[in-house]
């Protein structure tokens, strides 16, 4: 049996703080969601001024990123390129802004962000993950 890395409470707090700091630095009103490797919600924070729907979208982006083991932008791009059948996949948010957290070949969770332009959402998610100082992210 092998061991596998997992997110700790301290990891989640570090990711959340860094993501929130990045969003606030740019005056972006967003919701930040962090999930574990099974897509279970570990953290959800809707910053002041973020729309109500961003809570569902951020959570969906995080779950889609962890279950698909890739950034949600991959799915958005596939659909934009005409593969509309992919809309029937059992994932809830196929828009950029969900970023998986990988440690080597292991997925340990994901961050989903919603509230600004999709590429900005992804930037916030990556800023949060960077707080873990994982070399292979």
C-alpha atoms as a PDB file:
ATOM      1  CA  UNK A   1       0.000   0.000   0.000  1.00  0.00           C
ATOM      2  CA  UNK A   2       1.318   3.463  -0.806  1.00  0.00           C
ATOM      3  CA  UNK A   3       0.829   6.706   1.012  1.00  0.00           C
ATOM      4  CA  UNK A   4      -0.675   9.757  -0.593  1.00  0.00           C
ATOM      5  CA  UNK A   5      -0.399  13.442   0.272  1.00  0.00           C
ATOM      6  CA  UNK A   6      -3.548  15.222   1.457  1.00  0.00           C
ATOM      7  CA  UNK A   7      -4.467  18.829   2.137  1.00  0.00           C
ATOM      8  CA  UNK A   8      -4.253  19.812   5.801  1.00  0.00           C
ATOM      9  CA  UNK A   9      -6.281  22.524   7.486  1.00  0.00           C
ATOM     10  CA  UNK A  10      -3.177  24.724   7.409  1.00  0.00           C
ATOM     11  CA  UNK A  11      -2.807  24.122   3.661  1.00  0.00           C
ATOM     12  CA  UNK A  12      -6.413  25.130   3.043  1.00  0.00           C
ATOM     13  CA  UNK A  13      -6.000  28.269   5.153  1.00  0.00           C
ATOM     14  CA  UNK A  14      -2.814  29.214   3.274  1.00  0.00           C
ATOM     15  CA  UNK A  15      -4.453  28.697  -0.124  1.00  0.00           C
ATOM     16  CA  UNK A  16      -7.519  30.676   0.900  1.00  0.00           C
ATOM     17  CA  UNK A  17      -5.504  33.563   2.338  1.00  0.00           C
ATOM     18  CA  UNK A  18      -3.266  33.855  -0.720  1.00  0.00           C
ATOM     19  CA  UNK A  19      -6.179  33.639  -3.156  1.00  0.00           C
ATOM     20  CA  UNK A  20      -8.168  36.222  -1.216  1.00  0.00           C
ATOM     21  CA  UNK A  21      -5.161  38.558  -0.975  1.00  0.00           C
ATOM     22  CA  UNK A  22      -4.662  38.343  -4.745  1.00  0.00           C
ATOM     23  CA  UNK A  23      -8.340  39.078  -5.390  1.00  0.00           C
ATOM     24  CA  UNK A  24      -8.420  42.001  -2.967  1.00  0.00           C
ATOM     25  CA  UNK A  25      -5.204  43.431  -4.390  1.00  0.00           C
ATOM     26  CA  UNK A  26      -6.954  43.699  -7.751  1.00  0.00           C
ATOM     27  CA  UNK A  27     -10.323  44.788  -6.279  1.00  0.00           C
ATOM     28  CA  UNK A  28     -12.017  41.667  -7.630  1.00  0.00           C
ATOM     29  CA  UNK A  29     -15.214  40.585  -5.876  1.00  0.00           C
ATOM     30  CA  UNK A  30     -15.173  36.801  -6.160  1.00  0.00           C
ATOM     31  CA  UNK A  31     -16.035  33.585  -4.409  1.00  0.00           C
ATOM     32  CA  UNK A  32     -13.213  31.157  -3.638  1.00  0.00           C
ATOM     33  CA  UNK A  33     -13.905  27.435  -3.195  1.00  0.00           C
ATOM     34  CA  UNK A  34     -11.397  24.760  -2.166  1.00  0.00           C
ATOM     35  CA  UNK A  35     -12.206  21.054  -2.387  1.00  0.00           C
ATOM     36  CA  UNK A  36     -10.383  17.864  -1.417  1.00  0.00           C
ATOM     37  CA  UNK A  37      -9.437  15.064  -3.811  1.00  0.00           C
ATOM     38  CA  UNK A  38     -13.009  13.765  -3.834  1.00  0.00           C
ATOM     39  CA  UNK A  39     -14.563  17.125  -4.628  1.00  0.00           C
ATOM     40  CA  UNK A  40     -15.807  17.708  -1.083  1.00  0.00           C
ATOM     41  CA  UNK A  41     -15.931  21.335  -0.024  1.00  0.00           C
ATOM     42  CA  UNK A  42     -13.243  22.349   2.490  1.00  0.00           C
ATOM     43  CA  UNK A  43     -13.519  26.137   2.137  1.00  0.00           C
ATOM     44  CA  UNK A  44     -15.987  28.591   0.609  1.00  0.00           C
ATOM     45  CA  UNK A  45     -15.744  32.342   0.943  1.00  0.00           C
ATOM     46  CA  UNK A  46     -17.855  34.823  -0.976  1.00  0.00           C
ATOM     47  CA  UNK A  47     -16.095  38.161  -0.775  1.00  0.00           C
ATOM     48  CA  UNK A  48     -18.175  41.254  -0.195  1.00  0.00           C
ATOM     49  CA  UNK A  49     -19.765  42.354  -3.438  1.00  0.00           C
ATOM     50  CA  UNK A  50     -19.526  38.968  -5.175  1.00  0.00           C
ATOM     51  CA  UNK A  51     -22.744  37.851  -6.842  1.00  0.00           C
ATOM     52  CA  UNK A  52     -24.846  35.148  -5.244  1.00  0.00           C
ATOM     53  CA  UNK A  53     -24.397  32.756  -8.174  1.00  0.00           C
ATOM     54  CA  UNK A  54     -20.601  32.857  -7.806  1.00  0.00           C
ATOM     55  CA  UNK A  55     -20.767  30.541  -4.783  1.00  0.00           C
ATOM     56  CA  UNK A  56     -22.280  27.741  -6.872  1.00  0.00           C
ATOM     57  CA  UNK A  57     -20.033  28.428  -9.853  1.00  0.00           C
ATOM     58  CA  UNK A  58     -16.789  28.501  -7.821  1.00  0.00           C
ATOM     59  CA  UNK A  59     -17.709  25.245  -6.110  1.00  0.00           C
ATOM     60  CA  UNK A  60     -18.613  23.677  -9.442  1.00  0.00           C
ATOM     61  CA  UNK A  61     -15.340  24.786 -11.024  1.00  0.00           C
ATOM     62  CA  UNK A  62     -13.326  23.306  -8.145  1.00  0.00           C
ATOM     63  CA  UNK A  63     -15.216  19.995  -8.315  1.00  0.00           C
ATOM     64  CA  UNK A  64     -14.869  19.801 -12.083  1.00  0.00           C
ATOM     65  CA  UNK A  65     -11.116  20.469 -11.860  1.00  0.00           C
ATOM     66  CA  UNK A  66     -10.522  17.783  -9.242  1.00  0.00           C
ATOM     67  CA  UNK A  67     -12.731  15.143 -10.827  1.00  0.00           C
ATOM     68  CA  UNK A  68     -11.325  15.777 -14.298  1.00  0.00           C
ATOM     69  CA  UNK A  69      -7.747  16.141 -13.012  1.00  0.00           C
ATOM     70  CA  UNK A  70      -7.151  19.214 -15.164  1.00  0.00           C
ATOM     71  CA  UNK A  71      -7.917  22.904 -15.361  1.00  0.00           C
ATOM     72  CA  UNK A  72     -11.506  23.627 -16.314  1.00  0.00           C
ATOM     73  CA  UNK A  73     -10.262  25.786 -19.193  1.00  0.00           C
ATOM     74  CA  UNK A  74      -9.487  22.534 -21.040  1.00  0.00           C
ATOM     75  CA  UNK A  75     -13.195  21.690 -21.074  1.00  0.00           C
ATOM     76  CA  UNK A  76     -14.233  25.203 -22.021  1.00  0.00           C
ATOM     77  CA  UNK A  77     -11.808  25.136 -24.959  1.00  0.00           C
ATOM     78  CA  UNK A  78     -13.045  21.703 -26.116  1.00  0.00           C
ATOM     79  CA  UNK A  79     -16.629  22.942 -26.183  1.00  0.00           C
ATOM     80  CA  UNK A  80     -15.675  26.197 -27.941  1.00  0.00           C
ATOM     81  CA  UNK A  81     -13.890  24.125 -30.598  1.00  0.00           C
ATOM     82  CA  UNK A  82     -17.142  22.369 -31.406  1.00  0.00           C
ATOM     83  CA  UNK A  83     -17.167  19.320 -29.171  1.00  0.00           C
ATOM     84  CA  UNK A  84     -20.587  20.244 -27.774  1.00  0.00           C
ATOM     85  CA  UNK A  85     -21.354  16.624 -26.887  1.00  0.00           C
ATOM     86  CA  UNK A  86     -18.991  17.160 -23.961  1.00  0.00           C
ATOM     87  CA  UNK A  87     -21.731  19.266 -22.347  1.00  0.00           C
ATOM     88  CA  UNK A  88     -23.312  15.955 -21.338  1.00  0.00           C
ATOM     89  CA  UNK A  89     -20.262  15.029 -19.193  1.00  0.00           C
ATOM     90  CA  UNK A  90     -21.079  14.620 -15.485  1.00  0.00           C
ATOM     91  CA  UNK A  91     -19.333  17.856 -14.514  1.00  0.00           C
ATOM     92  CA  UNK A  92     -20.994  21.046 -13.405  1.00  0.00           C
ATOM     93  CA  UNK A  93     -18.782  23.955 -14.447  1.00  0.00           C
ATOM     94  CA  UNK A  94     -16.801  23.744 -17.638  1.00  0.00           C
ATOM     95  CA  UNK A  95     -15.573  27.333 -17.618  1.00  0.00           C
ATOM     96  CA  UNK A  96     -12.056  28.554 -16.868  1.00  0.00           C
ATOM     97  CA  UNK A  97     -11.387  29.209 -13.196  1.00  0.00           C
ATOM     98  CA  UNK A  98     -10.989  25.735 -11.705  1.00  0.00           C
ATOM     99  CA  UNK A  99      -7.411  24.602 -11.053  1.00  0.00           C
ATOM    100  CA  UNK A 100      -6.378  21.211  -9.647  1.00  0.00           C
ATOM    101  CA  UNK A 101      -3.749  20.904  -6.928  1.00  0.00           C
ATOM    102  CA  UNK A 102      -1.235  18.241  -7.919  1.00  0.00           C
ATOM    103  CA  UNK A 103       1.593  16.808  -5.821  1.00  0.00           C
ATOM    104  CA  UNK A 104       3.589  14.682  -8.209  1.00  0.00           C
ATOM    105  CA  UNK A 105       1.076  12.400  -9.884  1.00  0.00           C
ATOM    106  CA  UNK A 106      -1.402  12.737  -7.014  1.00  0.00           C
ATOM    107  CA  UNK A 107      -4.319  15.125  -7.081  1.00  0.00           C
ATOM    108  CA  UNK A 108      -4.963  16.436  -3.577  1.00  0.00           C
ATOM    109  CA  UNK A 109      -7.712  18.964  -4.308  1.00  0.00           C
ATOM    110  CA  UNK A 110      -8.643  21.956  -6.404  1.00  0.00           C
ATOM    111  CA  UNK A 111      -9.449  25.643  -6.203  1.00  0.00           C
ATOM    112  CA  UNK A 112     -12.389  27.192  -8.021  1.00  0.00           C
ATOM    113  CA  UNK A 113     -12.978  30.911  -8.351  1.00  0.00           C
ATOM    114  CA  UNK A 114     -15.883  32.833  -9.850  1.00  0.00           C
ATOM    115  CA  UNK A 115     -16.791  36.490 -10.091  1.00  0.00           C
ATOM    116  CA  UNK A 116     -14.582  38.196 -12.647  1.00  0.00           C
ATOM    117  CA  UNK A 117     -13.335  37.287 -16.134  1.00  0.00           C
ATOM    118  CA  UNK A 118     -12.554  33.588 -16.372  1.00  0.00           C
ATOM    119  CA  UNK A 119      -8.819  34.112 -16.903  1.00  0.00           C
ATOM    120  CA  UNK A 120      -8.770  36.333 -13.791  1.00  0.00           C
ATOM    121  CA  UNK A 121     -10.620  33.652 -11.821  1.00  0.00           C
ATOM    122  CA  UNK A 122      -7.904  31.164 -12.814  1.00  0.00           C
ATOM    123  CA  UNK A 123      -5.169  33.632 -11.854  1.00  0.00           C
ATOM    124  CA  UNK A 124      -6.650  33.920  -8.363  1.00  0.00           C
ATOM    125  CA  UNK A 125      -6.849  30.124  -8.034  1.00  0.00           C
ATOM    126  CA  UNK A 126      -3.216  29.737  -9.107  1.00  0.00           C
ATOM    127  CA  UNK A 127      -2.129  32.458  -6.655  1.00  0.00           C
ATOM    128  CA  UNK A 128      -3.758  30.481  -3.857  1.00  0.00           C
ATOM    129  CA  UNK A 129      -2.119  27.214  -4.893  1.00  0.00           C
ATOM    130  CA  UNK A 130       1.274  28.954  -5.157  1.00  0.00           C
ATOM    131  CA  UNK A 131       1.137  29.513  -1.393  1.00  0.00           C
ATOM    132  CA  UNK A 132       1.827  25.788  -0.966  1.00  0.00           C
ATOM    133  CA  UNK A 133       5.159  26.140  -2.782  1.00  0.00           C
ATOM    134  CA  UNK A 134       4.676  22.896  -4.703  1.00  0.00           C
ATOM    135  CA  UNK A 135       7.243  22.732  -7.475  1.00  0.00           C
ATOM    136  CA  UNK A 136       5.153  20.795  -9.962  1.00  0.00           C
ATOM    137  CA  UNK A 137       1.938  22.856  -9.967  1.00  0.00           C
END
